[in-house]
Amino acid sequence: MARTLRLITSVTLAIGLAVPAQAQYRNVIEHDRSQCSGDGPAVWLHVTNIEGSAGTLRIQLYRGTRQDWLESGRWLNRIEIPASAGAMSICMPVPAAGNYGIAIRHDKNNNGRTDITSDGGGMSNNPSINIFNLGKPSISKTRFTVGNEVKPMSIRMRYF
């Protein structure tokens, strides 16, 4: 019996380790404020300057690496919630203590595309956005560190 149990445990561990690295990406999660009421790790976001209550805010958490930052499909967690004009508080859990970046898009008309002339955006550390970088600052300007804590952060939305 003990041998069978060891075999089942070994097989279960092997299957768990065989999960491809991609499985850690693209986690669409529900907004859950309780994730920020404990010890973390999580980021308690205060998002300001939201223009209007139409549409959806899409908040995405990325690893704090050049390879992952703003790359298609390389986000770790995504929360989508209805926009509310002015300011909103959002809890973004993180998988473990480490370096991350956050990007937010306000899809004002809910068409699933970025409309440069109407949609807004914001990023961790509120980097400047101008005609030369068109909203894609480097990870060195947006990266932050979170430990086993709930880290408070403010992100200002910007619209063109």
C-alpha atoms as a PDB file:
ATOM      1  CA  MET A   1       0.000   0.000   0.000  1.00  0.00           C
ATOM      2  CA  ALA A   2       2.783   2.440   0.929  1.00  0.00           C
ATOM      3  CA  ARG A   3       4.576   1.636  -2.336  1.00  0.00           C
ATOM      4  CA  THR A   4       1.403   2.364  -4.336  1.00  0.00           C
ATOM      5  CA  LEU A   5       0.962   5.664  -2.507  1.00  0.00           C
ATOM      6  CA  ARG A   6       4.596   6.644  -3.258  1.00  0.00           C
ATOM      7  CA  LEU A   7       4.074   5.739  -6.931  1.00  0.00           C
ATOM      8  CA  ILE A   8       0.895   7.839  -7.171  1.00  0.00           C
ATOM      9  CA  THR A   9       2.662  10.757  -5.486  1.00  0.00           C
ATOM     10  CA  SER A  10       5.636  10.457  -7.871  1.00  0.00           C
ATOM     11  CA  VAL A  11       3.392  10.363 -10.935  1.00  0.00           C
ATOM     12  CA  THR A  12       1.364  13.336  -9.672  1.00  0.00           C
ATOM     13  CA  LEU A  13       4.537  15.368  -9.106  1.00  0.00           C
ATOM     14  CA  ALA A  14       5.899  14.424 -12.531  1.00  0.00           C
ATOM     15  CA  ILE A  15       2.677  15.513 -14.229  1.00  0.00           C
ATOM     16  CA  GLY A  16       2.715  18.773 -12.266  1.00  0.00           C
ATOM     17  CA  LEU A  17       6.304  19.474 -13.310  1.00  0.00           C
ATOM     18  CA  ALA A  18       5.537  18.614 -16.928  1.00  0.00           C
ATOM     19  CA  VAL A  19       3.047  21.502 -17.256  1.00  0.00           C
ATOM     20  CA  PRO A  20       4.511  23.870 -19.849  1.00  0.00           C
ATOM     21  CA  ALA A  21       5.836  27.254 -18.760  1.00  0.00           C
ATOM     22  CA  GLN A  22       3.034  28.921 -20.754  1.00  0.00           C
ATOM     23  CA  ALA A  23       0.491  27.621 -18.232  1.00  0.00           C
ATOM     24  CA  GLN A  24       1.642  30.297 -15.795  1.00  0.00           C
ATOM     25  CA  TYR A  25       0.535  33.063 -18.157  1.00  0.00           C
ATOM     26  CA  ARG A  26      -2.905  34.371 -19.131  1.00  0.00           C
ATOM     27  CA  ASN A  27      -4.802  33.955 -15.876  1.00  0.00           C
ATOM     28  CA  VAL A  28      -8.087  35.849 -16.164  1.00  0.00           C
ATOM     29  CA  ILE A  29      -9.247  36.400 -12.598  1.00  0.00           C
ATOM     30  CA  GLU A  30     -12.244  38.012 -10.931  1.00  0.00           C
ATOM     31  CA  HIS A  31     -11.689  41.168  -8.929  1.00  0.00           C
ATOM     32  CA  ASP A  32     -11.549  40.101  -5.281  1.00  0.00           C
ATOM     33  CA  ARG A  33     -10.816  42.821  -2.716  1.00  0.00           C
ATOM     34  CA  SER A  34     -10.246  40.192  -0.020  1.00  0.00           C
ATOM     35  CA  GLN A  35      -6.914  39.318  -1.710  1.00  0.00           C
ATOM     36  CA  CYS A  36      -5.649  42.662  -0.341  1.00  0.00           C
ATOM     37  CA  SER A  37      -6.948  42.217   3.202  1.00  0.00           C
ATOM     38  CA  GLY A  38      -4.258  39.733   4.260  1.00  0.00           C
ATOM     39  CA  ASP A  39      -0.472  39.637   4.064  1.00  0.00           C
ATOM     40  CA  GLY A  40      -0.216  39.423   0.278  1.00  0.00           C
ATOM     41  CA  PRO A  41       1.553  39.297  -1.955  1.00  0.00           C
ATOM     42  CA  ALA A  42      -0.738  41.698  -3.790  1.00  0.00           C
ATOM     43  CA  VAL A  43      -0.922  45.258  -5.099  1.00  0.00           C
ATOM     44  CA  TRP A  44      -3.677  47.585  -3.886  1.00  0.00           C
ATOM     45  CA  LEU A  45      -4.188  49.927  -6.855  1.00  0.00           C
ATOM     46  CA  HIS A  46      -5.726  53.375  -6.655  1.00  0.00           C
ATOM     47  CA  VAL A  47      -6.530  54.278 -10.267  1.00  0.00           C
ATOM     48  CA  THR A  48      -7.274  57.962 -10.890  1.00  0.00           C
ATOM     49  CA  ASN A  49      -8.338  60.270 -13.761  1.00  0.00           C
ATOM     50  CA  ILE A  50     -10.744  57.718 -15.278  1.00  0.00           C
ATOM     51  CA  GLU A  51     -12.711  59.505 -18.003  1.00  0.00           C
ATOM     52  CA  GLY A  52     -16.290  58.348 -17.761  1.00  0.00           C
ATOM     53  CA  SER A  53     -18.154  55.259 -16.642  1.00  0.00           C
ATOM     54  CA  ALA A  54     -18.593  53.707 -20.078  1.00  0.00           C
ATOM     55  CA  GLY A  55     -16.534  50.687 -21.033  1.00  0.00           C
ATOM     56  CA  THR A  56     -14.137  48.392 -19.224  1.00  0.00           C
ATOM     57  CA  LEU A  57     -10.823  48.686 -17.393  1.00  0.00           C
ATOM     58  CA  ARG A  58      -8.402  45.877 -18.228  1.00  0.00           C
ATOM     59  CA  ILE A  59      -5.644  45.562 -15.634  1.00  0.00           C
ATOM     60  CA  GLN A  60      -2.749  43.248 -16.535  1.00  0.00           C
ATOM     61  CA  LEU A  61       0.145  42.104 -14.368  1.00  0.00           C
ATOM     62  CA  TYR A  62       3.437  41.242 -16.096  1.00  0.00           C
ATOM     63  CA  ARG A  63       6.717  39.836 -14.832  1.00  0.00           C
ATOM     64  CA  GLY A  64       9.244  42.623 -14.420  1.00  0.00           C
ATOM     65  CA  THR A  65      11.395  41.450 -17.340  1.00  0.00           C
ATOM     66  CA  ARG A  66      12.092  42.910 -20.781  1.00  0.00           C
ATOM     67  CA  GLN A  67      11.034  39.605 -22.367  1.00  0.00           C
ATOM     68  CA  ASP A  68       7.529  39.717 -20.855  1.00  0.00           C
ATOM     69  CA  TRP A  69       6.657  43.416 -20.467  1.00  0.00           C
ATOM     70  CA  LEU A  70       3.696  44.303 -22.726  1.00  0.00           C
ATOM     71  CA  GLU A  71       4.291  41.266 -24.943  1.00  0.00           C
ATOM     72  CA  SER A  72       1.158  39.629 -26.314  1.00  0.00           C
ATOM     73  CA  GLY A  73       0.020  36.750 -24.119  1.00  0.00           C
ATOM     74  CA  ARG A  74       2.866  37.248 -21.618  1.00  0.00           C
ATOM     75  CA  TRP A  75       0.716  38.730 -18.854  1.00  0.00           C
ATOM     76  CA  LEU A  76       0.312  36.774 -15.645  1.00  0.00           C
ATOM     77  CA  ASN A  77      -3.024  38.006 -14.295  1.00  0.00           C
ATOM     78  CA  ARG A  78      -5.807  40.021 -15.916  1.00  0.00           C
ATOM     79  CA  ILE A  79      -8.785  41.646 -14.252  1.00  0.00           C
ATOM     80  CA  GLU A  80     -11.550  43.232 -16.331  1.00  0.00           C
ATOM     81  CA  ILE A  81     -14.088  45.425 -14.540  1.00  0.00           C
ATOM     82  CA  PRO A  82     -16.609  48.072 -15.570  1.00  0.00           C
ATOM     83  CA  ALA A  83     -15.110  51.563 -15.557  1.00  0.00           C
ATOM     84  CA  SER A  84     -16.268  54.129 -13.036  1.00  0.00           C
ATOM     85  CA  ALA A  85     -15.532  57.819 -13.650  1.00  0.00           C
ATOM     86  CA  GLY A  86     -12.954  59.458 -11.413  1.00  0.00           C
ATOM     87  CA  ALA A  87     -11.123  56.929  -9.242  1.00  0.00           C
ATOM     88  CA  MET A  88     -11.315  53.218  -8.473  1.00  0.00           C
ATOM     89  CA  SER A  89      -9.551  50.863  -6.058  1.00  0.00           C
ATOM     90  CA  ILE A  90      -8.525  47.465  -7.417  1.00  0.00           C
ATOM     91  CA  CYS A  91      -6.705  44.562  -5.776  1.00  0.00           C
ATOM     92  CA  MET A  92      -4.236  42.722  -8.042  1.00  0.00           C
ATOM     93  CA  PRO A  93      -2.826  39.531  -6.495  1.00  0.00           C
ATOM     94  CA  VAL A  94       0.690  38.543  -7.540  1.00  0.00           C
ATOM     95  CA  PRO A  95       1.918  34.928  -7.717  1.00  0.00           C
ATOM     96  CA  ALA A  96       4.940  35.453  -5.426  1.00  0.00           C
ATOM     97  CA  ALA A  97       7.252  38.141  -4.107  1.00  0.00           C
ATOM     98  CA  GLY A  98       9.283  39.612  -6.968  1.00  0.00           C
ATOM     99  CA  ASN A  99       9.475  42.250  -9.714  1.00  0.00           C
ATOM    100  CA  TYR A 100       6.420  43.135 -11.776  1.00  0.00           C
ATOM    101  CA  GLY A 101       4.830  45.748 -14.030  1.00  0.00           C
ATOM    102  CA  ILE A 102       1.165  46.691 -14.386  1.00  0.00           C
ATOM    103  CA  ALA A 103      -0.593  48.064 -17.465  1.00  0.00           C
ATOM    104  CA  ILE A 104      -4.184  49.338 -17.537  1.00  0.00           C
ATOM    105  CA  ARG A 105      -6.331  50.046 -20.578  1.00  0.00           C
ATOM    106  CA  HIS A 106      -9.707  51.768 -20.542  1.00  0.00           C
ATOM    107  CA  ASP A 107     -11.654  50.319 -23.477  1.00  0.00           C
ATOM    108  CA  LYS A 108     -14.297  53.040 -23.543  1.00  0.00           C
ATOM    109  CA  ASN A 109     -16.549  51.435 -26.167  1.00  0.00           C
ATOM    110  CA  ASN A 110     -15.914  47.775 -25.232  1.00  0.00           C
ATOM    111  CA  ASN A 111     -14.820  46.821 -28.736  1.00  0.00           C
ATOM    112  CA  GLY A 112     -11.778  44.850 -27.503  1.00  0.00           C
ATOM    113  CA  ARG A 113      -9.344  47.004 -29.491  1.00  0.00           C
ATOM    114  CA  THR A 114      -7.177  49.952 -28.524  1.00  0.00           C
ATOM    115  CA  ASP A 115      -8.627  53.108 -30.027  1.00  0.00           C
ATOM    116  CA  ILE A 116      -5.805  55.654 -29.753  1.00  0.00           C
ATOM    117  CA  THR A 117      -8.122  58.665 -30.033  1.00  0.00           C
ATOM    118  CA  SER A 118     -10.535  57.633 -27.253  1.00  0.00           C
ATOM    119  CA  ASP A 119      -9.209  54.842 -25.023  1.00  0.00           C
ATOM    120  CA  GLY A 120      -6.972  55.584 -22.072  1.00  0.00           C
ATOM    121  CA  GLY A 121      -4.083  53.849 -20.414  1.00  0.00           C
ATOM    122  CA  GLY A 122      -1.890  53.849 -17.365  1.00  0.00           C
ATOM    123  CA  MET A 123       1.125  51.955 -16.055  1.00  0.00           C
ATOM    124  CA  SER A 124       2.892  51.280 -12.806  1.00  0.00           C
ATOM    125  CA  ASN A 125       5.177  54.148 -11.716  1.00  0.00           C
ATOM    126  CA  ASN A 126       3.238  56.532 -14.016  1.00  0.00           C
ATOM    127  CA  PRO A 127       5.952  56.928 -16.677  1.00  0.00           C
ATOM    128  CA  SER A 128       5.643  59.816 -19.096  1.00  0.00           C
ATOM    129  CA  ILE A 129       4.057  58.938 -22.415  1.00  0.00           C
ATOM    130  CA  ASN A 130       4.800  60.980 -25.509  1.00  0.00           C
ATOM    131  CA  ILE A 131       4.750  60.848 -29.281  1.00  0.00           C
ATOM    132  CA  PHE A 132       8.132  59.096 -29.360  1.00  0.00           C
ATOM    133  CA  ASN A 133       7.326  56.066 -27.202  1.00  0.00           C
ATOM    134  CA  LEU A 134       3.578  55.923 -27.974  1.00  0.00           C
ATOM    135  CA  GLY A 135       2.648  54.399 -24.645  1.00  0.00           C
ATOM    136  CA  LYS A 136       5.290  51.695 -24.424  1.00  0.00           C
ATOM    137  CA  PRO A 137       7.812  52.799 -21.793  1.00  0.00           C
ATOM    138  CA  SER A 138      10.555  50.336 -20.918  1.00  0.00           C
ATOM    139  CA  ILE A 139      10.207  47.911 -18.037  1.00  0.00           C
ATOM    140  CA  SER A 140      12.939  49.827 -16.199  1.00  0.00           C
ATOM    141  CA  LYS A 141      10.471  52.749 -15.916  1.00  0.00           C
ATOM    142  CA  THR A 142       7.485  50.642 -14.860  1.00  0.00           C
ATOM    143  CA  ARG A 143       9.007  47.822 -12.800  1.00  0.00           C
ATOM    144  CA  PHE A 144       8.295  47.636  -9.081  1.00  0.00           C
ATOM    145  CA  THR A 145       9.060  45.128  -6.343  1.00  0.00           C
ATOM    146  CA  VAL A 146       6.506  43.530  -4.075  1.00  0.00           C
ATOM    147  CA  GLY A 147       7.364  41.302  -1.135  1.00  0.00           C
ATOM    148  CA  ASN A 148       5.048  39.246   1.036  1.00  0.00           C
ATOM    149  CA  GLU A 149       2.894  42.305   1.572  1.00  0.00           C
ATOM    150  CA  VAL A 150       0.022  44.273   0.120  1.00  0.00           C
ATOM    151  CA  LYS A 151       1.781  47.084  -1.726  1.00  0.00           C
ATOM    152  CA  PRO A 152      -0.185  50.316  -2.239  1.00  0.00           C
ATOM    153  CA  MET A 153       0.199  51.942  -5.666  1.00  0.00           C
ATOM    154  CA  SER A 154      -1.424  54.838  -7.541  1.00  0.00           C
ATOM    155  CA  ILE A 155      -1.798  54.780 -11.327  1.00  0.00           C
ATOM    156  CA  ARG A 156      -2.992  57.852 -13.225  1.00  0.00           C
ATOM    157  CA  MET A 157      -4.951  57.161 -16.406  1.00  0.00           C
ATOM    158  CA  ARG A 158      -4.037  59.183 -19.489  1.00  0.00           C
ATOM    159  CA  TYR A 159      -6.012  59.830 -22.637  1.00  0.00           C
ATOM    160  CA  PHE A 160      -4.884  61.285 -25.974  1.00  0.00           C
END
